[in-house]
């Protein structure tokens, strides 16, 4: 991770004076002006000017007043325009404004600036503005187009707080459940190769899958079951029975709205076991609100780290080995709840 030094024009006078003294001391020790400037975050010309003044007229001749352009001078956008643009970036998507881009890229922001202010800025300049405003390029989280924002808001503000309150009243634990499937060739890791070349990953071509259904708590508990069939109500009921048997207290299980979770057979079984388990459905098309989604990502990145399996049985052993390891790593399980989209579900600190 690269460290970005602050603009020296924004530093206090006493800090600037300390930098002058350090720069001159380093120059006396034999360091080059270029090295000094790089380490202290200064312009080489500034170090050269300080050194020339010092060697000619002594320390007292060094300037104590600010030199160079003041912060903000030379910028093409006014402060009002900058505030307006940041508000748009924070509250709207490019498609909302008729800009042909799925995310706010530098090119999309350049088009926004041209629409808002009539200025056609170079892409590099747009990047500098974004950096100055505190924006950085990040991998986007997926969000279903059919997701209902009102339903998500109700879940976060009303439904889930009520679920938590009910669990406390009933002395129950809140569990979160989900399923995922893995191929024998599943491995998302990276490997080193010569620049311009890609590492080769030999695959078996075996398309058979191993599936896993898991449930976790914000305290770091894990329960899971692997299977090779599709998820049906019968498979789900086997998992529910195992979860109830293993859990020390009543279970409030939150899952998505997969059809197998809400069949008449499942609902009848839940009615017969309501003393031990309650099922709650997440909002539709909102997988990012479910902590096991981040467990699934971790699983797919690590499951075959020791080598691709020769077949489905070895793949199953790899999956079960990873999941059993998680049982001994509650802090790793708790970390899944620290993703920004699911921090609402954890009482733990994610600092």
Protein backbone atom coordinates (compact mmCIF):
# COMPACT_ATOMS: atom_id res chain seq x y z
CA UNK A 1 0.00 0.00 0.00
CA UNK A 2 1.53 3.35 -1.04
CA UNK A 3 1.66 6.12 1.58
CA UNK A 4 0.47 9.53 0.39
CA UNK A 5 2.24 12.45 2.09
CA UNK A 6 0.24 15.59 2.89
CA UNK A 7 0.64 18.71 0.79
CA UNK A 8 3.40 20.71 2.54
CA UNK A 9 1.52 23.94 1.80
CA UNK A 10 -1.10 22.79 4.29
CA UNK A 11 1.40 22.09 7.10
CA UNK A 12 1.84 24.49 10.06
CA UNK A 13 4.76 26.93 9.99
CA UNK A 14 6.66 25.13 12.76
CA UNK A 15 6.46 21.87 10.83
CA UNK A 16 7.78 23.59 7.69
CA UNK A 17 10.69 24.99 9.70
CA UNK A 18 11.45 21.53 11.08
CA UNK A 19 11.49 20.15 7.54
CA UNK A 20 13.95 22.90 6.49
CA UNK A 21 16.35 21.98 9.29
CA UNK A 22 16.09 18.26 8.56
CA UNK A 23 16.64 18.84 4.86
CA UNK A 24 19.76 20.93 5.49
CA UNK A 25 21.09 18.45 8.04
CA UNK A 26 20.60 15.59 5.57
CA UNK A 27 22.36 17.59 2.85
CA UNK A 28 25.32 18.16 5.18
CA UNK A 29 25.47 14.39 5.73
CA UNK A 30 25.85 13.88 2.01
CA UNK A 31 22.34 12.91 0.92
CA UNK A 32 21.35 14.15 -2.53
CA UNK A 33 18.71 16.83 -2.96
CA UNK A 34 16.55 14.38 -4.89
CA UNK A 35 16.62 11.78 -2.11
CA UNK A 36 15.88 14.38 0.55
CA UNK A 37 12.97 15.77 -1.43
CA UNK A 38 11.51 12.30 -1.99
CA UNK A 39 11.73 11.28 1.67
CA UNK A 40 10.35 14.54 3.09
CA UNK A 41 7.69 15.04 0.43
CA UNK A 42 9.21 18.25 -0.92
CA UNK A 43 10.06 19.57 -4.37
CA UNK A 44 13.73 19.11 -5.27
CA UNK A 45 13.89 22.78 -6.29
CA UNK A 46 12.78 23.76 -2.77
CA UNK A 47 15.59 21.75 -1.16
CA UNK A 48 18.07 23.24 -3.65
CA UNK A 49 16.93 26.80 -2.85
CA UNK A 50 17.20 26.22 0.91
CA UNK A 51 20.67 24.74 0.56
CA UNK A 52 21.93 27.53 -1.67
CA UNK A 53 20.67 30.19 0.75
CA UNK A 54 22.13 28.36 3.76
CA UNK A 55 25.59 27.85 2.23
CA UNK A 56 25.76 31.45 1.02
CA UNK A 57 24.27 33.49 3.87
CA UNK A 58 23.77 31.09 6.78
CA UNK A 59 20.81 29.78 8.68
CA UNK A 60 19.40 33.20 9.56
CA UNK A 61 18.88 33.97 5.87
CA UNK A 62 16.41 31.17 5.35
CA UNK A 63 12.87 32.40 4.63
CA UNK A 64 10.32 31.98 7.37
CA UNK A 65 7.34 33.13 5.34
CA UNK A 66 5.36 30.86 3.04
CA UNK A 67 6.56 30.54 -0.54
CA UNK A 68 4.92 28.99 -3.55
CA UNK A 69 1.30 28.96 -4.55
CA UNK A 70 -1.24 28.92 -1.72
CA UNK A 71 -3.39 25.78 -1.38
CA UNK A 72 -6.25 25.76 -3.85
CA UNK A 73 -4.75 28.26 -6.28
CA UNK A 74 -4.72 27.17 -9.89
CA UNK A 75 -7.66 24.80 -9.51
CA UNK A 76 -10.18 24.88 -12.32
CA UNK A 77 -13.22 24.01 -10.21
CA UNK A 78 -14.63 26.42 -7.64
CA UNK A 79 -15.20 25.20 -4.07
CA UNK A 80 -18.96 25.30 -4.69
CA UNK A 81 -18.57 23.14 -7.79
CA UNK A 82 -16.38 20.67 -5.90
CA UNK A 83 -18.96 20.34 -3.11
CA UNK A 84 -21.75 19.83 -5.65
CA UNK A 85 -19.79 17.12 -7.50
CA UNK A 86 -18.98 15.25 -4.29
CA UNK A 87 -22.65 15.32 -3.31
CA UNK A 88 -23.56 13.77 -6.68
CA UNK A 89 -20.90 11.07 -6.33
CA UNK A 90 -22.17 10.19 -2.86
CA UNK A 91 -25.87 10.06 -3.69
CA UNK A 92 -26.34 9.13 -7.35
CA UNK A 93 -25.19 6.60 -9.94
CA UNK A 94 -23.91 7.49 -13.43
CA UNK A 95 -26.98 5.91 -15.04
CA UNK A 96 -29.22 8.21 -12.99
CA UNK A 97 -27.69 11.14 -14.89
CA UNK A 98 -27.61 9.56 -18.33
CA UNK A 99 -23.87 8.83 -18.17
CA UNK A 100 -23.00 5.53 -19.86
CA UNK A 101 -21.07 3.84 -17.06
CA UNK A 102 -22.07 1.31 -14.37
CA UNK A 103 -19.80 2.92 -11.73
CA UNK A 104 -18.10 6.23 -11.02
CA UNK A 105 -14.83 5.83 -12.92
CA UNK A 106 -12.48 8.70 -13.73
CA UNK A 107 -13.92 8.84 -17.23
CA UNK A 108 -17.49 8.95 -15.88
CA UNK A 109 -16.55 11.70 -13.40
CA UNK A 110 -14.89 13.65 -16.22
CA UNK A 111 -18.18 13.49 -18.14
CA UNK A 112 -20.05 14.59 -15.02
CA UNK A 113 -17.71 17.56 -14.59
CA UNK A 114 -18.24 18.57 -18.20
CA UNK A 115 -22.03 18.35 -17.76
CA UNK A 116 -22.01 20.25 -14.46
CA UNK A 117 -19.40 22.93 -15.21
CA UNK A 118 -18.67 22.87 -18.93
CA UNK A 119 -15.00 22.00 -18.27
CA UNK A 120 -13.34 19.19 -20.23
CA UNK A 121 -10.64 18.02 -17.80
CA UNK A 122 -7.92 15.46 -18.58
CA UNK A 123 -8.43 12.04 -17.00
CA UNK A 124 -5.29 12.49 -14.88
CA UNK A 125 -6.58 15.78 -13.51
CA UNK A 126 -9.89 14.14 -12.63
CA UNK A 127 -7.95 11.46 -10.75
CA UNK A 128 -6.12 14.13 -8.75
CA UNK A 129 -9.40 15.79 -7.81
CA UNK A 130 -10.85 12.43 -6.70
CA UNK A 131 -7.75 11.72 -4.60
CA UNK A 132 -7.93 15.17 -3.01
CA UNK A 133 -11.61 14.64 -2.18
CA UNK A 134 -10.83 11.34 -0.42
CA UNK A 135 -12.09 8.91 -3.07
CA UNK A 136 -10.18 5.75 -4.03
CA UNK A 137 -10.89 3.01 -6.60
CA UNK A 138 -12.46 -0.03 -4.92
CA UNK A 139 -13.90 -3.34 -5.99
CA UNK A 140 -17.69 -2.89 -6.17
CA UNK A 141 -20.12 -4.99 -4.20
CA UNK A 142 -22.80 -6.71 -6.23
CA UNK A 143 -26.36 -5.48 -5.89
CA UNK A 144 -29.32 -7.04 -7.65
CA UNK A 145 -31.17 -4.76 -10.03
CA UNK A 146 -34.50 -6.09 -8.70
CA UNK A 147 -33.64 -5.19 -5.11
CA UNK A 148 -36.26 -3.01 -3.44
CA UNK A 149 -34.51 -0.21 -1.47
CA UNK A 150 -37.62 0.32 0.68
CA UNK A 151 -37.66 -3.35 1.66
CA UNK A 152 -33.96 -3.24 2.55
CA UNK A 153 -34.46 -0.06 4.58
CA UNK A 154 -37.35 -1.65 6.49
CA UNK A 155 -35.19 -4.69 7.20
CA UNK A 156 -32.36 -2.58 8.59
CA UNK A 157 -34.49 -0.14 10.57
CA UNK A 158 -37.49 -2.23 11.69
CA UNK A 159 -37.43 -5.96 10.95
CA UNK A 160 -33.95 -6.94 12.07
CA UNK A 161 -34.00 -4.87 15.28
CA UNK A 162 -37.28 -6.66 16.11
CA UNK A 163 -35.63 -10.03 15.41
CA UNK A 164 -32.77 -9.16 17.78
CA UNK A 165 -35.18 -8.02 20.49
CA UNK A 166 -37.23 -11.21 20.18
CA UNK A 167 -34.09 -13.36 20.38
CA UNK A 168 -33.07 -11.61 23.61
CA UNK A 169 -36.51 -12.10 25.12
CA UNK A 170 -36.56 -15.80 24.24
CA UNK A 171 -32.94 -16.46 25.21
CA UNK A 172 -32.15 -17.46 21.62
CA UNK A 173 -29.10 -17.09 19.41
CA UNK A 174 -29.32 -15.42 15.99
CA UNK A 175 -27.83 -17.60 13.26
CA UNK A 176 -27.35 -16.73 9.60
CA UNK A 177 -27.54 -19.43 6.94
CA UNK A 178 -26.66 -19.79 3.27
CA UNK A 179 -25.61 -22.33 0.62
CA UNK A 180 -22.88 -22.36 -1.99
CA UNK A 181 -21.43 -24.83 -4.48
CA UNK A 182 -17.85 -25.52 -5.53
CA UNK A 183 -16.37 -27.18 -8.62
CA UNK A 184 -13.37 -29.47 -8.55
CA UNK A 185 -11.40 -26.77 -10.40
CA UNK A 186 -12.41 -24.04 -7.94
CA UNK A 187 -9.47 -21.82 -6.97
CA UNK A 188 -9.46 -18.02 -7.07
CA UNK A 189 -5.93 -17.42 -5.89
CA UNK A 190 -3.20 -15.76 -7.92
CA UNK A 191 0.26 -16.94 -8.91
CA UNK A 192 3.43 -15.14 -9.95
CA UNK A 193 4.61 -15.19 -13.57
CA UNK A 194 6.86 -13.19 -15.83
CA UNK A 195 5.57 -9.74 -16.76
CA UNK A 196 3.25 -10.06 -19.75
CA UNK A 197 2.62 -13.77 -19.11
CA UNK A 198 -0.13 -15.52 -17.15
CA UNK A 199 0.43 -18.55 -14.90
CA UNK A 200 -1.21 -21.74 -16.13
CA UNK A 201 -3.58 -23.69 -13.87
CA UNK A 202 -4.10 -27.31 -14.91
CA UNK A 203 -7.73 -28.35 -14.45
CA UNK A 204 -9.36 -31.74 -14.41
CA UNK A 205 -12.46 -30.77 -16.36
CA UNK A 206 -14.56 -32.55 -13.71
CA UNK A 207 -17.79 -30.56 -13.57
CA UNK A 208 -19.25 -32.37 -10.60
CA UNK A 209 -19.85 -30.12 -7.62
CA UNK A 210 -19.87 -30.28 -3.87
CA UNK A 211 -22.38 -28.06 -2.11
CA UNK A 212 -22.29 -26.80 1.45
CA UNK A 213 -24.97 -25.24 3.63
CA UNK A 214 -23.66 -23.36 6.63
CA UNK A 215 -24.85 -21.22 9.51
CA UNK A 216 -22.83 -18.76 11.59
CA UNK A 217 -23.31 -16.40 14.51
CA UNK A 218 -21.75 -13.01 15.18
CA UNK A 219 -19.98 -14.64 18.15
CA UNK A 220 -18.04 -16.92 15.77
CA UNK A 221 -20.01 -20.19 15.90
CA UNK A 222 -20.20 -22.38 12.78
CA UNK A 223 -22.35 -25.34 11.73
CA UNK A 224 -22.31 -26.83 8.25
CA UNK A 225 -23.29 -29.80 6.09
CA UNK A 226 -21.96 -30.87 2.69
CA UNK A 227 -24.06 -32.56 0.02
CA UNK A 228 -23.81 -33.37 -3.70
CA UNK A 229 -27.48 -33.16 -4.64
CA UNK A 230 -29.44 -29.96 -5.20
CA UNK A 231 -30.88 -28.10 -2.24
CA UNK A 232 -34.40 -29.41 -1.61
CA UNK A 233 -36.73 -29.14 1.35
CA UNK A 234 -35.65 -32.64 2.44
CA UNK A 235 -31.96 -31.67 2.44
CA UNK A 236 -32.73 -28.42 4.22
CA UNK A 237 -34.70 -30.24 6.91
CA UNK A 238 -31.74 -32.54 7.59
CA UNK A 239 -29.57 -29.47 8.13
CA UNK A 240 -32.16 -27.76 10.36
CA UNK A 241 -32.43 -30.83 12.56
CA UNK A 242 -28.65 -31.03 12.90
CA UNK A 243 -28.41 -27.32 13.70
CA UNK A 244 -31.06 -27.54 16.43
CA UNK A 245 -29.33 -30.59 17.92
CA UNK A 246 -25.93 -28.86 18.01
CA UNK A 247 -27.02 -25.39 19.18
CA UNK A 248 -26.90 -24.80 22.94
CA UNK A 249 -29.96 -22.51 22.89
CA UNK A 250 -32.96 -21.79 20.74
CA UNK A 251 -32.08 -20.86 17.16
CA UNK A 252 -33.35 -17.85 15.21
CA UNK A 253 -32.13 -18.69 11.70
CA UNK A 254 -32.02 -15.97 9.03
CA UNK A 255 -31.88 -17.21 5.43
CA UNK A 256 -32.66 -15.96 1.95
CA UNK A 257 -35.91 -16.71 0.13
CA UNK A 258 -34.74 -19.81 -1.74
CA UNK A 259 -37.78 -21.91 -2.58
CA UNK A 260 -36.45 -24.91 -0.64
CA UNK A 261 -36.38 -22.81 2.55
CA UNK A 262 -40.07 -21.98 2.50
CA UNK A 263 -41.88 -25.08 1.25
CA UNK A 264 -45.00 -26.37 3.08
CA UNK A 265 -42.93 -29.30 4.39
CA UNK A 266 -40.38 -26.95 5.95
CA UNK A 267 -43.04 -24.65 7.40
CA UNK A 268 -44.87 -27.62 8.94
CA UNK A 269 -41.64 -28.90 10.51
CA UNK A 270 -40.89 -25.43 11.90
CA UNK A 271 -44.37 -25.25 13.41
CA UNK A 272 -43.73 -28.57 15.19
CA UNK A 273 -40.36 -27.35 16.51
CA UNK A 274 -41.12 -23.69 17.24
CA UNK A 275 -39.86 -24.11 20.78
CA UNK A 276 -36.38 -24.72 19.37
CA UNK A 277 -36.15 -22.80 16.12
CA UNK A 278 -37.63 -19.83 14.26
CA UNK A 279 -36.94 -19.06 10.60
CA UNK A 280 -36.70 -15.47 9.30
CA UNK A 281 -36.42 -14.53 5.62
CA UNK A 282 -34.09 -11.81 4.34
CA UNK A 283 -35.29 -9.14 1.91
CA UNK A 284 -35.50 -10.31 -1.67
CA UNK A 285 -32.43 -9.95 -3.89
CA UNK A 286 -30.23 -8.78 -1.01
CA UNK A 287 -27.46 -11.39 -0.55
CA UNK A 288 -24.99 -8.71 0.56
CA UNK A 289 -26.95 -8.41 3.83
CA UNK A 290 -26.16 -12.03 4.73
CA UNK A 291 -22.82 -12.63 6.53
CA UNK A 292 -22.32 -16.20 5.20
CA UNK A 293 -21.89 -14.66 1.73
CA UNK A 294 -18.45 -13.52 2.90
CA UNK A 295 -17.71 -16.95 4.35
CA UNK A 296 -18.53 -18.38 0.91
CA UNK A 297 -16.05 -16.01 -0.72
CA UNK A 298 -13.38 -17.03 1.79
CA UNK A 299 -14.13 -20.71 1.21
CA UNK A 300 -13.83 -20.41 -2.58
CA UNK A 301 -10.53 -18.61 -2.26
CA UNK A 302 -8.97 -21.11 0.15
CA UNK A 303 -10.60 -24.51 -0.40
CA UNK A 304 -8.09 -25.86 -2.93
CA UNK A 305 -5.07 -23.83 -1.83
CA UNK A 306 -3.03 -27.03 -1.38
CA UNK A 307 -3.74 -28.18 -4.93
CA UNK A 308 -6.73 -29.00 -7.12
CA UNK A 309 -8.52 -32.20 -6.08
CA UNK A 310 -8.39 -35.32 -8.23
CA UNK A 311 -12.14 -35.80 -7.94
CA UNK A 312 -15.32 -34.96 -6.12
CA UNK A 313 -14.49 -36.91 -2.95
CA UNK A 314 -11.23 -35.08 -2.45
CA UNK A 315 -13.03 -31.80 -3.14
CA UNK A 316 -15.56 -32.71 -0.45
CA UNK A 317 -12.71 -33.45 1.95
CA UNK A 318 -11.15 -30.07 1.14
CA UNK A 319 -14.44 -28.27 1.79
CA UNK A 320 -15.02 -30.08 5.08
CA UNK A 321 -11.41 -29.48 6.12
CA UNK A 322 -11.80 -25.73 5.62
CA UNK A 323 -15.15 -25.59 7.41
CA UNK A 324 -13.87 -27.63 10.36
CA UNK A 325 -10.87 -25.28 10.60
CA UNK A 326 -13.28 -22.36 10.85
CA UNK A 327 -14.86 -23.94 13.92
CA UNK A 328 -11.57 -23.37 15.73
CA UNK A 329 -11.21 -19.81 14.41
CA UNK A 330 -14.11 -17.80 15.82
CA UNK A 331 -12.26 -14.52 15.21
CA UNK A 332 -12.15 -15.33 11.49
CA UNK A 333 -15.87 -16.04 11.48
CA UNK A 334 -16.52 -12.76 13.32
CA UNK A 335 -14.56 -10.95 10.63
CA UNK A 336 -17.25 -11.84 8.08
CA UNK A 337 -19.61 -9.62 10.06
CA UNK A 338 -17.23 -6.67 9.63
CA UNK A 339 -18.01 -6.18 5.97
CA UNK A 340 -19.70 -2.74 5.72
CA UNK A 341 -22.92 -4.28 4.36
CA UNK A 342 -23.41 -6.54 7.40
CA UNK A 343 -21.97 -4.58 10.30
CA UNK A 344 -25.56 -3.93 11.36
CA UNK A 345 -25.66 -7.59 12.44
CA UNK A 346 -22.75 -7.60 14.87
CA UNK A 347 -22.33 -6.33 18.43
CA UNK A 348 -18.55 -6.72 18.06
CA UNK A 349 -16.04 -4.00 17.29
CA UNK A 350 -14.77 -3.97 13.71
CA UNK A 351 -12.04 -1.34 14.19
